[in-house]
């Protein structure tokens, strides 16, 4: 989905040591240009994640 809007990213999953917990999926967007596209086209609902994203973009 991110590839469809031109965002280069890494994706992996991990299983917590406690198997009662669900598998965790992690998306990594490393390039500044791609983080900027993500903030403009997708963004976050969570205000703290939005603030952290803006901090990485120096906004």
PDB file of N, CA and C in Angstrom:
ATOM      1  N   UNK A   1       0.820  -1.193   0.000  1.00  0.00           N
ATOM      2  CA  UNK A   1       0.000   0.000   0.000  1.00  0.00           C
ATOM      3  C   UNK A   1       0.865   1.258   0.000  1.00  0.00           C
ATOM      4  N   UNK A   2       1.904   1.295   0.830  1.00  0.00           N
ATOM      5  CA  UNK A   2       2.782   2.459   0.845  1.00  0.00           C
ATOM      6  C   UNK A   2       3.542   2.585  -0.469  1.00  0.00           C
ATOM      7  N   UNK A   3       3.891   1.460  -1.067  1.00  0.00           N
ATOM      8  CA  UNK A   3       4.562   1.499  -2.371  1.00  0.00           C
ATOM      9  C   UNK A   3       3.679   2.155  -3.424  1.00  0.00           C
ATOM     10  N   UNK A   4       2.368   1.966  -3.318  1.00  0.00           N
ATOM     11  CA  UNK A   4       1.432   2.520  -4.287  1.00  0.00           C
ATOM     12  C   UNK A   4       1.433   4.044  -4.284  1.00  0.00           C
ATOM     13  N   UNK A   5       1.764   4.656  -3.157  1.00  0.00           N
ATOM     14  CA  UNK A   5       1.804   6.122  -3.098  1.00  0.00           C
ATOM     15  C   UNK A   5       3.230   6.650  -3.077  1.00  0.00           C
ATOM     16  N   UNK A   6       4.195   5.796  -3.433  1.00  0.00           N
ATOM     17  CA  UNK A   6       5.569   6.228  -3.620  1.00  0.00           C
ATOM     18  C   UNK A   6       6.412   6.321  -2.371  1.00  0.00           C
ATOM     19  N   UNK A   7       6.071   5.567  -1.321  1.00  0.00           N
ATOM     20  CA  UNK A   7       6.831   5.608  -0.076  1.00  0.00           C
ATOM     21  C   UNK A   7       7.668   4.333   0.036  1.00  0.00           C
ATOM     22  N   UNK A   8       8.998   4.508   0.052  1.00  0.00           N
ATOM     23  CA  UNK A   8       9.913   3.390   0.248  1.00  0.00           C
ATOM     24  C   UNK A   8       9.959   3.067   1.741  1.00  0.00           C
ATOM     25  N   UNK A   9       9.833   1.787   2.082  1.00  0.00           N
ATOM     26  CA  UNK A   9       9.758   1.416   3.491  1.00  0.00           C
ATOM     27  C   UNK A   9      10.260  -0.002   3.725  1.00  0.00           C
ATOM     28  N   UNK A  10      10.566  -0.296   4.972  1.00  0.00           N
ATOM     29  CA  UNK A  10      10.901  -1.645   5.393  1.00  0.00           C
ATOM     30  C   UNK A  10       9.759  -2.183   6.244  1.00  0.00           C
ATOM     31  N   UNK A  11       9.602  -3.500   6.260  1.00  0.00           N
ATOM     32  CA  UNK A  11       8.489  -4.115   6.974  1.00  0.00           C
ATOM     33  C   UNK A  11       8.961  -5.436   7.562  1.00  0.00           C
ATOM     34  N   UNK A  12       8.691  -5.640   8.826  1.00  0.00           N
ATOM     35  CA  UNK A  12       8.987  -6.929   9.435  1.00  0.00           C
ATOM     36  C   UNK A  12       8.038  -7.194  10.590  1.00  0.00           C
ATOM     37  N   UNK A  13       8.029  -8.437  11.039  1.00  0.00           N
ATOM     38  CA  UNK A  13       7.174  -8.807  12.164  1.00  0.00           C
ATOM     39  C   UNK A  13       8.002  -9.578  13.183  1.00  0.00           C
ATOM     40  N   UNK A  14       7.538  -9.579  14.414  1.00  0.00           N
ATOM     41  CA  UNK A  14       8.213 -10.297  15.482  1.00  0.00           C
ATOM     42  C   UNK A  14       7.166 -10.843  16.450  1.00  0.00           C
ATOM     43  N   UNK A  15       7.479 -11.951  17.058  1.00  0.00           N
ATOM     44  CA  UNK A  15       6.583 -12.555  18.044  1.00  0.00           C
ATOM     45  C   UNK A  15       7.148 -12.268  19.438  1.00  0.00           C
ATOM     46  N   UNK A  16       6.390 -11.588  20.301  1.00  0.00           N
ATOM     47  CA  UNK A  16       6.870 -11.359  21.671  1.00  0.00           C
ATOM     48  C   UNK A  16       7.175 -12.675  22.380  1.00  0.00           C
ATOM     49  N   UNK A  17       8.059 -12.610  23.376  1.00  0.00           N
ATOM     50  CA  UNK A  17       8.444 -13.823  24.110  1.00  0.00           C
ATOM     51  C   UNK A  17       7.247 -14.467  24.805  1.00  0.00           C
ATOM     52  N   UNK A  18       6.314 -13.643  25.280  1.00  0.00           N
ATOM     53  CA  UNK A  18       5.094 -14.166  25.879  1.00  0.00           C
ATOM     54  C   UNK A  18       4.123 -14.496  24.737  1.00  0.00           C
ATOM     55  N   UNK A  19       3.899 -15.766  24.486  1.00  0.00           N
ATOM     56  CA  UNK A  19       3.087 -16.177  23.344  1.00  0.00           C
ATOM     57  C   UNK A  19       1.600 -15.886  23.510  1.00  0.00           C
ATOM     58  N   UNK A  20       1.209 -15.323  24.647  1.00  0.00           N
ATOM     59  CA  UNK A  20      -0.175 -14.897  24.819  1.00  0.00           C
ATOM     60  C   UNK A  20      -0.424 -13.568  24.106  1.00  0.00           C
ATOM     61  N   UNK A  21       0.663 -12.888  23.739  1.00  0.00           N
ATOM     62  CA  UNK A  21       0.556 -11.622  23.029  1.00  0.00           C
ATOM     63  C   UNK A  21       0.548 -11.857  21.527  1.00  0.00           C
ATOM     64  N   UNK A  22      -0.084 -10.936  20.815  1.00  0.00           N
ATOM     65  CA  UNK A  22      -0.164 -11.042  19.362  1.00  0.00           C
ATOM     66  C   UNK A  22       1.170 -10.691  18.717  1.00  0.00           C
ATOM     67  N   UNK A  23       1.344 -11.148  17.494  1.00  0.00           N
ATOM     68  CA  UNK A  23       2.507 -10.811  16.695  1.00  0.00           C
ATOM     69  C   UNK A  23       2.522  -9.294  16.470  1.00  0.00           C
ATOM     70  N   UNK A  24       3.714  -8.706  16.443  1.00  0.00           N
ATOM     71  CA  UNK A  24       3.879  -7.269  16.269  1.00  0.00           C
ATOM     72  C   UNK A  24       4.416  -7.015  14.865  1.00  0.00           C
ATOM     73  N   UNK A  25       3.815  -6.062  14.156  1.00  0.00           N
ATOM     74  CA  UNK A  25       4.249  -5.682  12.820  1.00  0.00           C
ATOM     75  C   UNK A  25       4.852  -4.287  12.876  1.00  0.00           C
ATOM     76  N   UNK A  26       6.009  -4.116  12.246  1.00  0.00           N
ATOM     77  CA  UNK A  26       6.731  -2.849  12.308  1.00  0.00           C
ATOM     78  C   UNK A  26       7.024  -2.372  10.889  1.00  0.00           C
ATOM     79  N   UNK A  27       6.700  -1.103  10.629  1.00  0.00           N
ATOM     80  CA  UNK A  27       7.005  -0.465   9.358  1.00  0.00           C
ATOM     81  C   UNK A  27       8.036   0.610   9.633  1.00  0.00           C
ATOM     82  N   UNK A  28       9.113   0.615   8.852  1.00  0.00           N
ATOM     83  CA  UNK A  28      10.180   1.587   9.023  1.00  0.00           C
ATOM     84  C   UNK A  28      10.297   2.435   7.770  1.00  0.00           C
ATOM     85  N   UNK A  29      10.169   3.756   7.930  1.00  0.00           N
ATOM     86  CA  UNK A  29      10.319   4.699   6.819  1.00  0.00           C
ATOM     87  C   UNK A  29      11.549   5.539   7.129  1.00  0.00           C
ATOM     88  N   UNK A  30      12.655   5.274   6.429  1.00  0.00           N
ATOM     89  CA  UNK A  30      13.932   5.876   6.782  1.00  0.00           C
ATOM     90  C   UNK A  30      14.246   7.169   6.036  1.00  0.00           C
ATOM     91  N   UNK A  31      13.877   7.280   4.801  1.00  0.00           N
ATOM     92  CA  UNK A  31      14.223   8.470   4.023  1.00  0.00           C
ATOM     93  C   UNK A  31      13.347   9.651   4.421  1.00  0.00           C
ATOM     94  N   UNK A  32      13.975  10.809   4.556  1.00  0.00           N
ATOM     95  CA  UNK A  32      13.265  12.033   4.923  1.00  0.00           C
ATOM     96  C   UNK A  32      12.158  12.346   3.919  1.00  0.00           C
ATOM     97  N   UNK A  33      12.461  12.197   2.639  1.00  0.00           N
ATOM     98  CA  UNK A  33      11.477  12.461   1.583  1.00  0.00           C
ATOM     99  C   UNK A  33      10.244  11.572   1.749  1.00  0.00           C
ATOM    100  N   UNK A  34      10.479  10.301   2.077  1.00  0.00           N
ATOM    101  CA  UNK A  34       9.365   9.363   2.240  1.00  0.00           C
ATOM    102  C   UNK A  34       8.551   9.661   3.498  1.00  0.00           C
ATOM    103  N   UNK A  35       9.219  10.093   4.584  1.00  0.00           N
ATOM    104  CA  UNK A  35       8.488  10.487   5.798  1.00  0.00           C
ATOM    105  C   UNK A  35       7.626  11.716   5.539  1.00  0.00           C
ATOM    106  N   UNK A  36       8.128  12.636   4.719  1.00  0.00           N
ATOM    107  CA  UNK A  36       7.346  13.827   4.375  1.00  0.00           C
ATOM    108  C   UNK A  36       6.099  13.437   3.581  1.00  0.00           C
ATOM    109  N   UNK A  37       6.259  12.552   2.612  1.00  0.00           N
ATOM    110  CA  UNK A  37       5.104  12.064   1.837  1.00  0.00           C
ATOM    111  C   UNK A  37       4.114  11.371   2.767  1.00  0.00           C
ATOM    112  N   UNK A  38       4.629  10.545   3.703  1.00  0.00           N
ATOM    113  CA  UNK A  38       3.751   9.859   4.653  1.00  0.00           C
ATOM    114  C   UNK A  38       2.956  10.869   5.480  1.00  0.00           C
ATOM    115  N   UNK A  39       3.622  11.914   5.976  1.00  0.00           N
ATOM    116  CA  UNK A  39       2.923  12.903   6.813  1.00  0.00           C
ATOM    117  C   UNK A  39       1.857  13.649   6.027  1.00  0.00           C
ATOM    118  N   UNK A  40       2.102  13.898   4.740  1.00  0.00           N
ATOM    119  CA  UNK A  40       1.137  14.633   3.916  1.00  0.00           C
ATOM    120  C   UNK A  40      -0.037  13.765   3.462  1.00  0.00           C
ATOM    121  N   UNK A  41       0.244  12.522   3.079  1.00  0.00           N
ATOM    122  CA  UNK A  41      -0.798  11.680   2.480  1.00  0.00           C
ATOM    123  C   UNK A  41      -1.470  10.717   3.437  1.00  0.00           C
ATOM    124  N   UNK A  42      -0.756  10.301   4.494  1.00  0.00           N
ATOM    125  CA  UNK A  42      -1.297   9.285   5.401  1.00  0.00           C
ATOM    126  C   UNK A  42      -1.449   9.857   6.808  1.00  0.00           C
ATOM    127  N   UNK A  43      -0.319  10.128   7.461  1.00  0.00           N
ATOM    128  CA  UNK A  43      -0.329  10.688   8.810  1.00  0.00           C
ATOM    129  C   UNK A  43      -0.729   9.688   9.878  1.00  0.00           C
ATOM    130  N   UNK A  44      -0.840  10.200  11.092  1.00  0.00           N
ATOM    131  CA  UNK A  44      -1.240   9.397  12.251  1.00  0.00           C
ATOM    132  C   UNK A  44      -2.481  10.009  12.896  1.00  0.00           C
ATOM    133  N   UNK A  45      -3.278   9.186  13.561  1.00  0.00           N
ATOM    134  CA  UNK A  45      -4.378   9.672  14.386  1.00  0.00           C
ATOM    135  C   UNK A  45      -3.869  10.070  15.763  1.00  0.00           C
ATOM    136  N   UNK A  46      -2.857   9.360  16.247  1.00  0.00           N
ATOM    137  CA  UNK A  46      -2.347   9.568  17.597  1.00  0.00           C
ATOM    138  C   UNK A  46      -1.476  10.825  17.644  1.00  0.00           C
ATOM    139  N   UNK A  47      -1.796  11.765  18.522  1.00  0.00           N
ATOM    140  CA  UNK A  47      -1.121  13.059  18.569  1.00  0.00           C
ATOM    141  C   UNK A  47       0.363  12.919  18.917  1.00  0.00           C
ATOM    142  N   UNK A  48       0.731  11.999  19.807  1.00  0.00           N
ATOM    143  CA  UNK A  48       2.143  11.848  20.163  1.00  0.00           C
ATOM    144  C   UNK A  48       2.966  11.301  18.997  1.00  0.00           C
ATOM    145  N   UNK A  49       2.394  10.389  18.223  1.00  0.00           N
ATOM    146  CA  UNK A  49       3.092   9.883  17.042  1.00  0.00           C
ATOM    147  C   UNK A  49       3.235  10.985  15.995  1.00  0.00           C
ATOM    148  N   UNK A  50       2.204  11.824  15.860  1.00  0.00           N
ATOM    149  CA  UNK A  50       2.269  12.940  14.925  1.00  0.00           C
ATOM    150  C   UNK A  50       3.365  13.917  15.333  1.00  0.00           C
ATOM    151  N   UNK A  51       3.447  14.238  16.609  1.00  0.00           N
ATOM    152  CA  UNK A  51       4.478  15.152  17.095  1.00  0.00           C
ATOM    153  C   UNK A  51       5.868  14.582  16.847  1.00  0.00           C
ATOM    154  N   UNK A  52       6.043  13.286  17.085  1.00  0.00           N
ATOM    155  CA  UNK A  52       7.336  12.645  16.868  1.00  0.00           C
ATOM    156  C   UNK A  52       7.709  12.669  15.381  1.00  0.00           C
ATOM    157  N   UNK A  53       6.741  12.425  14.519  1.00  0.00           N
ATOM    158  CA  UNK A  53       6.981  12.491  13.077  1.00  0.00           C
ATOM    159  C   UNK A  53       7.397  13.896  12.668  1.00  0.00           C
ATOM    160  N   UNK A  54       6.678  14.906  13.144  1.00  0.00           N
ATOM    161  CA  UNK A  54       7.016  16.293  12.808  1.00  0.00           C
ATOM    162  C   UNK A  54       8.404  16.666  13.319  1.00  0.00           C
ATOM    163  N   UNK A  55       8.780  16.137  14.482  1.00  0.00           N
ATOM    164  CA  UNK A  55      10.109  16.408  15.018  1.00  0.00           C
ATOM    165  C   UNK A  55      11.194  15.856  14.102  1.00  0.00           C
ATOM    166  N   UNK A  56      10.965  14.665  13.547  1.00  0.00           N
ATOM    167  CA  UNK A  56      11.960  14.092  12.614  1.00  0.00           C
ATOM    168  C   UNK A  56      12.028  14.881  11.315  1.00  0.00           C
ATOM    169  N   UNK A  57      10.955  15.606  10.996  1.00  0.00           N
ATOM    170  CA  UNK A  57      10.914  16.418   9.773  1.00  0.00           C
ATOM    171  C   UNK A  57      11.329  17.864  10.028  1.00  0.00           C
ATOM    172  N   UNK A  58      11.667  18.189  11.286  1.00  0.00           N
ATOM    173  CA  UNK A  58      12.017  19.548  11.685  1.00  0.00           C
ATOM    174  C   UNK A  58      10.900  20.544  11.381  1.00  0.00           C
ATOM    175  N   UNK A  59       9.655  20.141  11.652  1.00  0.00           N
ATOM    176  CA  UNK A  59       8.490  21.019  11.439  1.00  0.00           C
ATOM    177  C   UNK A  59       8.006  21.599  12.748  1.00  0.00           C
TER     178      UNK A  59
END
